[in-house]
Amino acid sequence: MKKILFVLFCCVALVGCKSDVGCIDGDCENGQGTYSYAYGEWKGDKYVGEYKDGLMHGQGTYGYANGDEYLGGFKNDKKHGQGTYNYANGTKYVGEFKDGKFNGQGTFTYADGENYVGEYKDGLMNGQGTYTYPNGDNYAGEWKGALMHGQGTFTYADGENYVGEFKDDKCNGQGTYTLANGTIYHSGLWKNDEPVK
């Protein structure tokens, strides 16, 4: 028994006995390192990249236990700057991050091809952007809180379109709906997707 304890002590004291949790390689304080998480909500996650003052800071790759992966910039332990977030289901975001959220210009593409290209604020579509649906429908215009809001154009795959004001994801305000053959269906006031006559 004493011999086993002595061997374990020597292993720890002399070579550090590599572990599969915690800082498993490099410098996880100030430099390049690899950290494997074993507890709590991060159990099974792994980070490989740059550190500053013990925090993820600089360029790195963070792999999640569920199969998601983020590659890009970090600042004070949060995703920050340019990066790519790959979801396990094939969905992908490429763009800017701030304080761990989508912020600035970005492209979000779903596995089925549906995508949004435009501005984000605090993780939501906000500002100018274009959303393309798998069936070919397309909206280009202003967004607020992930909803169509402001001036925009919604073009249907069959050629019909609405150009005008949106509020809360619906045609609200002044706008013109044109049929595929060029006939104007309604030009004027709209309320909750319905023409006001």
C-alpha atoms as a PDB file:
ATOM      1  CA  MET A   1       0.000   0.000   0.000  1.00  0.00           C
ATOM      2  CA  LYS A   2       2.802   2.408   0.918  1.00  0.00           C
ATOM      3  CA  LYS A   3       4.481   1.603  -2.390  1.00  0.00           C
ATOM      4  CA  ILE A   4       1.334   2.510  -4.384  1.00  0.00           C
ATOM      5  CA  LEU A   5       0.939   5.814  -2.522  1.00  0.00           C
ATOM      6  CA  PHE A   6       4.609   6.613  -3.070  1.00  0.00           C
ATOM      7  CA  VAL A   7       4.279   5.959  -6.836  1.00  0.00           C
ATOM      8  CA  LEU A   8       1.171   8.190  -7.017  1.00  0.00           C
ATOM      9  CA  PHE A   9       2.928  10.947  -5.088  1.00  0.00           C
ATOM     10  CA  CYS A  10       5.940  10.796  -7.404  1.00  0.00           C
ATOM     11  CA  CYS A  11       3.678  10.897 -10.447  1.00  0.00           C
ATOM     12  CA  VAL A  12       1.932  14.043  -9.231  1.00  0.00           C
ATOM     13  CA  ALA A  13       5.065  15.764  -7.939  1.00  0.00           C
ATOM     14  CA  LEU A  14       7.408  15.013 -10.820  1.00  0.00           C
ATOM     15  CA  VAL A  15       5.325  14.926 -14.005  1.00  0.00           C
ATOM     16  CA  GLY A  16       1.974  16.394 -13.026  1.00  0.00           C
ATOM     17  CA  CYS A  17      -0.061  13.308 -14.060  1.00  0.00           C
ATOM     18  CA  LYS A  18      -2.017  14.625 -17.059  1.00  0.00           C
ATOM     19  CA  SER A  19      -5.759  14.744 -16.468  1.00  0.00           C
ATOM     20  CA  ASP A  20      -8.668  14.845 -18.903  1.00  0.00           C
ATOM     21  CA  VAL A  21     -10.286  17.770 -17.040  1.00  0.00           C
ATOM     22  CA  GLY A  22      -9.146  21.304 -16.277  1.00  0.00           C
ATOM     23  CA  CYS A  23      -6.167  22.771 -18.112  1.00  0.00           C
ATOM     24  CA  ILE A  24      -4.922  19.704 -19.966  1.00  0.00           C
ATOM     25  CA  ASP A  25      -2.330  21.374 -22.173  1.00  0.00           C
ATOM     26  CA  GLY A  26      -0.391  24.630 -22.464  1.00  0.00           C
ATOM     27  CA  ASP A  27      -0.905  27.863 -20.521  1.00  0.00           C
ATOM     28  CA  CYS A  28      -4.530  28.501 -19.492  1.00  0.00           C
ATOM     29  CA  GLU A  29      -3.608  31.695 -17.635  1.00  0.00           C
ATOM     30  CA  ASN A  30      -1.735  33.854 -20.145  1.00  0.00           C
ATOM     31  CA  GLY A  31      -1.010  32.157 -23.445  1.00  0.00           C
ATOM     32  CA  GLN A  32      -2.223  29.269 -25.558  1.00  0.00           C
ATOM     33  CA  GLY A  33      -3.967  26.395 -23.803  1.00  0.00           C
ATOM     34  CA  THR A  34      -6.536  23.604 -23.827  1.00  0.00           C
ATOM     35  CA  TYR A  35      -9.195  23.370 -21.123  1.00  0.00           C
ATOM     36  CA  SER A  36     -11.668  20.525 -20.657  1.00  0.00           C
ATOM     37  CA  TYR A  37     -14.796  21.099 -18.541  1.00  0.00           C
ATOM     38  CA  ALA A  38     -16.078  18.365 -16.227  1.00  0.00           C
ATOM     39  CA  TYR A  39     -18.789  19.985 -14.116  1.00  0.00           C
ATOM     40  CA  GLY A  40     -22.027  21.967 -14.239  1.00  0.00           C
ATOM     41  CA  GLU A  41     -23.582  23.342 -17.395  1.00  0.00           C
ATOM     42  CA  TRP A  42     -20.200  23.158 -19.216  1.00  0.00           C
ATOM     43  CA  LYS A  43     -19.641  19.434 -18.582  1.00  0.00           C
ATOM     44  CA  GLY A  44     -18.138  17.865 -21.700  1.00  0.00           C
ATOM     45  CA  ASP A  45     -17.194  21.203 -23.310  1.00  0.00           C
ATOM     46  CA  LYS A  46     -13.635  21.918 -24.452  1.00  0.00           C
ATOM     47  CA  TYR A  47     -11.768  25.128 -25.331  1.00  0.00           C
ATOM     48  CA  VAL A  48      -8.550  25.395 -27.298  1.00  0.00           C
ATOM     49  CA  GLY A  49      -7.113  28.855 -27.727  1.00  0.00           C
ATOM     50  CA  GLU A  50      -5.699  32.009 -26.211  1.00  0.00           C
ATOM     51  CA  TYR A  51      -6.012  33.128 -22.589  1.00  0.00           C
ATOM     52  CA  LYS A  52      -5.452  36.361 -20.719  1.00  0.00           C
ATOM     53  CA  ASP A  53      -5.615  36.534 -16.908  1.00  0.00           C
ATOM     54  CA  GLY A  54      -7.213  33.074 -16.828  1.00  0.00           C
ATOM     55  CA  LEU A  55     -10.033  34.037 -19.216  1.00  0.00           C
ATOM     56  CA  MET A  56     -10.658  33.037 -22.830  1.00  0.00           C
ATOM     57  CA  HIS A  57      -9.279  36.052 -24.675  1.00  0.00           C
ATOM     58  CA  GLY A  58      -8.107  36.193 -28.287  1.00  0.00           C
ATOM     59  CA  GLN A  59      -8.649  33.522 -30.932  1.00  0.00           C
ATOM     60  CA  GLY A  60      -9.955  30.081 -30.034  1.00  0.00           C
ATOM     61  CA  THR A  61     -12.249  27.146 -30.657  1.00  0.00           C
ATOM     62  CA  TYR A  62     -14.965  26.151 -28.182  1.00  0.00           C
ATOM     63  CA  GLY A  63     -16.547  22.731 -28.622  1.00  0.00           C
ATOM     64  CA  TYR A  64     -19.830  21.996 -26.862  1.00  0.00           C
ATOM     65  CA  ALA A  65     -20.861  18.595 -25.506  1.00  0.00           C
ATOM     66  CA  ASN A  66     -23.996  18.713 -27.712  1.00  0.00           C
ATOM     67  CA  GLY A  67     -21.889  18.907 -30.906  1.00  0.00           C
ATOM     68  CA  ASP A  68     -22.066  22.686 -31.479  1.00  0.00           C
ATOM     69  CA  GLU A  69     -18.780  24.487 -32.141  1.00  0.00           C
ATOM     70  CA  TYR A  70     -17.622  28.111 -32.133  1.00  0.00           C
ATOM     71  CA  LEU A  71     -14.461  29.301 -33.867  1.00  0.00           C
ATOM     72  CA  GLY A  72     -13.367  32.912 -33.552  1.00  0.00           C
ATOM     73  CA  GLY A  73     -12.658  35.758 -31.212  1.00  0.00           C
ATOM     74  CA  PHE A  74     -13.108  35.909 -27.445  1.00  0.00           C
ATOM     75  CA  LYS A  75     -12.927  38.764 -24.966  1.00  0.00           C
ATOM     76  CA  ASN A  76     -13.115  38.257 -21.197  1.00  0.00           C
ATOM     77  CA  ASP A  77     -14.586  34.731 -21.534  1.00  0.00           C
ATOM     78  CA  LYS A  78     -17.275  35.759 -24.088  1.00  0.00           C
ATOM     79  CA  LYS A  79     -17.544  35.391 -27.857  1.00  0.00           C
ATOM     80  CA  HIS A  80     -16.410  38.715 -29.290  1.00  0.00           C
ATOM     81  CA  GLY A  81     -15.389  39.972 -32.727  1.00  0.00           C
ATOM     82  CA  GLN A  82     -15.531  37.888 -35.898  1.00  0.00           C
ATOM     83  CA  GLY A  83     -16.569  34.268 -35.517  1.00  0.00           C
ATOM     84  CA  THR A  84     -18.390  31.209 -36.826  1.00  0.00           C
ATOM     85  CA  TYR A  85     -20.914  29.223 -34.794  1.00  0.00           C
ATOM     86  CA  ASN A  86     -21.701  25.777 -36.212  1.00  0.00           C
ATOM     87  CA  TYR A  87     -24.759  24.045 -34.761  1.00  0.00           C
ATOM     88  CA  ALA A  88     -24.826  20.253 -34.580  1.00  0.00           C
ATOM     89  CA  ASN A  89     -27.981  20.189 -36.777  1.00  0.00           C
ATOM     90  CA  GLY A  90     -26.183  21.881 -39.714  1.00  0.00           C
ATOM     91  CA  THR A  91     -27.333  25.441 -39.014  1.00  0.00           C
ATOM     92  CA  LYS A  92     -24.543  28.033 -39.132  1.00  0.00           C
ATOM     93  CA  TYR A  93     -23.878  31.668 -38.180  1.00  0.00           C
ATOM     94  CA  VAL A  94     -20.935  33.599 -39.593  1.00  0.00           C
ATOM     95  CA  GLY A  95     -20.408  37.168 -38.473  1.00  0.00           C
ATOM     96  CA  GLU A  96     -19.798  39.557 -35.637  1.00  0.00           C
ATOM     97  CA  PHE A  97     -20.220  38.911 -31.912  1.00  0.00           C
ATOM     98  CA  LYS A  98     -20.267  41.206 -28.904  1.00  0.00           C
ATOM     99  CA  ASP A  99     -20.549  40.104 -25.265  1.00  0.00           C
ATOM    100  CA  GLY A 100     -21.359  36.545 -26.347  1.00  0.00           C
ATOM    101  CA  LYS A 101     -24.245  37.474 -28.687  1.00  0.00           C
ATOM    102  CA  PHE A 102     -24.717  38.068 -32.422  1.00  0.00           C
ATOM    103  CA  ASN A 103     -24.022  41.793 -32.875  1.00  0.00           C
ATOM    104  CA  GLY A 104     -23.251  43.654 -36.097  1.00  0.00           C
ATOM    105  CA  GLN A 105     -23.191  42.098 -39.581  1.00  0.00           C
ATOM    106  CA  GLY A 106     -23.856  38.396 -39.908  1.00  0.00           C
ATOM    107  CA  THR A 107     -25.231  35.532 -41.981  1.00  0.00           C
ATOM    108  CA  PHE A 108     -27.430  32.875 -40.380  1.00  0.00           C
ATOM    109  CA  THR A 109     -28.078  29.832 -42.565  1.00  0.00           C
ATOM    110  CA  TYR A 110     -30.404  26.982 -41.596  1.00  0.00           C
ATOM    111  CA  ALA A 111     -29.753  23.399 -42.653  1.00  0.00           C
ATOM    112  CA  ASP A 112     -32.659  23.604 -45.160  1.00  0.00           C
ATOM    113  CA  GLY A 113     -31.081  26.633 -46.908  1.00  0.00           C
ATOM    114  CA  GLU A 114     -33.284  29.301 -45.319  1.00  0.00           C
ATOM    115  CA  ASN A 115     -31.072  32.254 -44.436  1.00  0.00           C
ATOM    116  CA  TYR A 116     -30.754  35.798 -43.135  1.00  0.00           C
ATOM    117  CA  VAL A 117     -28.026  38.206 -44.170  1.00  0.00           C
ATOM    118  CA  GLY A 118     -27.867  41.510 -42.335  1.00  0.00           C
ATOM    119  CA  GLU A 119     -27.585  43.331 -39.055  1.00  0.00           C
ATOM    120  CA  TYR A 120     -27.966  41.958 -35.526  1.00  0.00           C
ATOM    121  CA  LYS A 121     -28.293  43.565 -32.123  1.00  0.00           C
ATOM    122  CA  ASP A 122     -28.156  41.648 -28.830  1.00  0.00           C
ATOM    123  CA  GLY A 123     -28.616  38.318 -30.616  1.00  0.00           C
ATOM    124  CA  LEU A 124     -31.649  39.359 -32.706  1.00  0.00           C
ATOM    125  CA  MET A 125     -32.156  40.510 -36.310  1.00  0.00           C
ATOM    126  CA  ASN A 126     -32.151  44.292 -36.023  1.00  0.00           C
ATOM    127  CA  GLY A 127     -31.533  46.945 -38.683  1.00  0.00           C
ATOM    128  CA  GLN A 128     -31.212  46.241 -42.418  1.00  0.00           C
ATOM    129  CA  GLY A 129     -31.345  42.652 -43.606  1.00  0.00           C
ATOM    130  CA  THR A 130     -32.549  40.144 -46.172  1.00  0.00           C
ATOM    131  CA  TYR A 131     -34.348  36.921 -45.262  1.00  0.00           C
ATOM    132  CA  THR A 132     -34.740  34.188 -47.872  1.00  0.00           C
ATOM    133  CA  TYR A 133     -37.147  31.290 -47.331  1.00  0.00           C
ATOM    134  CA  PRO A 134     -36.666  27.753 -48.728  1.00  0.00           C
ATOM    135  CA  ASN A 135     -39.687  28.185 -51.058  1.00  0.00           C
ATOM    136  CA  GLY A 136     -38.070  31.247 -52.706  1.00  0.00           C
ATOM    137  CA  ASP A 137     -39.976  33.974 -50.856  1.00  0.00           C
ATOM    138  CA  ASN A 138     -37.771  36.894 -49.842  1.00  0.00           C
ATOM    139  CA  TYR A 139     -37.941  39.909 -47.544  1.00  0.00           C
ATOM    140  CA  ALA A 140     -35.452  42.764 -47.808  1.00  0.00           C
ATOM    141  CA  GLY A 141     -35.747  45.702 -45.459  1.00  0.00           C
ATOM    142  CA  GLU A 142     -35.779  46.824 -41.857  1.00  0.00           C
ATOM    143  CA  TRP A 143     -35.963  44.571 -38.795  1.00  0.00           C
ATOM    144  CA  LYS A 144     -36.599  45.200 -35.112  1.00  0.00           C
ATOM    145  CA  GLY A 145     -36.360  42.520 -32.431  1.00  0.00           C
ATOM    146  CA  ALA A 146     -36.290  39.719 -35.078  1.00  0.00           C
ATOM    147  CA  LEU A 147     -39.518  41.007 -36.696  1.00  0.00           C
ATOM    148  CA  MET A 148     -40.073  42.789 -40.022  1.00  0.00           C
ATOM    149  CA  HIS A 149     -40.471  46.380 -38.887  1.00  0.00           C
ATOM    150  CA  GLY A 150     -40.073  49.565 -40.939  1.00  0.00           C
ATOM    151  CA  GLN A 151     -39.661  49.927 -44.711  1.00  0.00           C
ATOM    152  CA  GLY A 152     -39.272  46.767 -46.742  1.00  0.00           C
ATOM    153  CA  THR A 153     -40.103  44.645 -49.759  1.00  0.00           C
ATOM    154  CA  PHE A 154     -41.591  41.157 -49.497  1.00  0.00           C
ATOM    155  CA  THR A 155     -41.338  39.256 -52.782  1.00  0.00           C
ATOM    156  CA  TYR A 156     -43.123  35.949 -53.204  1.00  0.00           C
ATOM    157  CA  ALA A 157     -41.682  33.116 -55.280  1.00  0.00           C
ATOM    158  CA  ASP A 158     -44.571  33.465 -57.772  1.00  0.00           C
ATOM    159  CA  GLY A 159     -43.610  37.096 -58.509  1.00  0.00           C
ATOM    160  CA  GLU A 160     -46.166  38.933 -56.363  1.00  0.00           C
ATOM    161  CA  ASN A 161     -44.751  41.557 -54.017  1.00  0.00           C
ATOM    162  CA  TYR A 162     -45.518  44.076 -51.318  1.00  0.00           C
ATOM    163  CA  VAL A 163     -43.482  47.268 -51.007  1.00  0.00           C
ATOM    164  CA  GLY A 164     -44.073  49.486 -48.029  1.00  0.00           C
ATOM    165  CA  GLU A 165     -44.287  49.661 -44.260  1.00  0.00           C
ATOM    166  CA  PHE A 166     -44.158  46.750 -41.836  1.00  0.00           C
ATOM    167  CA  LYS A 167     -44.838  46.549 -38.124  1.00  0.00           C
ATOM    168  CA  ASP A 168     -44.624  43.474 -35.887  1.00  0.00           C
ATOM    169  CA  ASP A 169     -43.960  41.154 -38.873  1.00  0.00           C
ATOM    170  CA  LYS A 170     -47.068  42.299 -40.814  1.00  0.00           C
ATOM    171  CA  CYS A 171     -47.985  44.817 -43.511  1.00  0.00           C
ATOM    172  CA  ASN A 172     -48.902  47.889 -41.472  1.00  0.00           C
ATOM    173  CA  GLY A 173     -48.975  51.455 -42.808  1.00  0.00           C
ATOM    174  CA  GLN A 174     -48.599  52.659 -46.387  1.00  0.00           C
ATOM    175  CA  GLY A 175     -47.784  50.057 -49.017  1.00  0.00           C
ATOM    176  CA  THR A 176     -48.416  48.651 -52.468  1.00  0.00           C
ATOM    177  CA  TYR A 177     -49.216  45.023 -53.292  1.00  0.00           C
ATOM    178  CA  THR A 178     -48.563  44.041 -56.907  1.00  0.00           C
ATOM    179  CA  LEU A 179     -49.702  40.785 -58.514  1.00  0.00           C
ATOM    180  CA  ALA A 180     -47.390  38.655 -60.664  1.00  0.00           C
ATOM    181  CA  ASN A 181     -48.956  40.009 -63.879  1.00  0.00           C
ATOM    182  CA  GLY A 182     -48.180  43.603 -62.841  1.00  0.00           C
ATOM    183  CA  THR A 183     -51.701  44.530 -61.693  1.00  0.00           C
ATOM    184  CA  ILE A 184     -51.772  46.589 -58.513  1.00  0.00           C
ATOM    185  CA  TYR A 185     -54.003  44.774 -56.034  1.00  0.00           C
ATOM    186  CA  HIS A 186     -53.957  47.577 -53.454  1.00  0.00           C
ATOM    187  CA  SER A 187     -51.964  50.749 -52.943  1.00  0.00           C
ATOM    188  CA  GLY A 188     -52.606  52.629 -49.731  1.00  0.00           C
ATOM    189  CA  LEU A 189     -53.133  51.848 -46.076  1.00  0.00           C
ATOM    190  CA  TRP A 190     -52.649  48.363 -44.578  1.00  0.00           C
ATOM    191  CA  LYS A 191     -53.437  46.997 -41.135  1.00  0.00           C
ATOM    192  CA  ASN A 192     -52.255  43.585 -39.909  1.00  0.00           C
ATOM    193  CA  ASP A 193     -51.737  42.260 -43.452  1.00  0.00           C
ATOM    194  CA  GLU A 194     -55.172  43.465 -44.634  1.00  0.00           C
ATOM    195  CA  PRO A 195     -55.828  46.379 -47.040  1.00  0.00           C
ATOM    196  CA  VAL A 196     -57.810  49.234 -45.513  1.00  0.00           C
ATOM    197  CA  LYS A 197     -60.403  50.319 -48.085  1.00  0.00           C
END
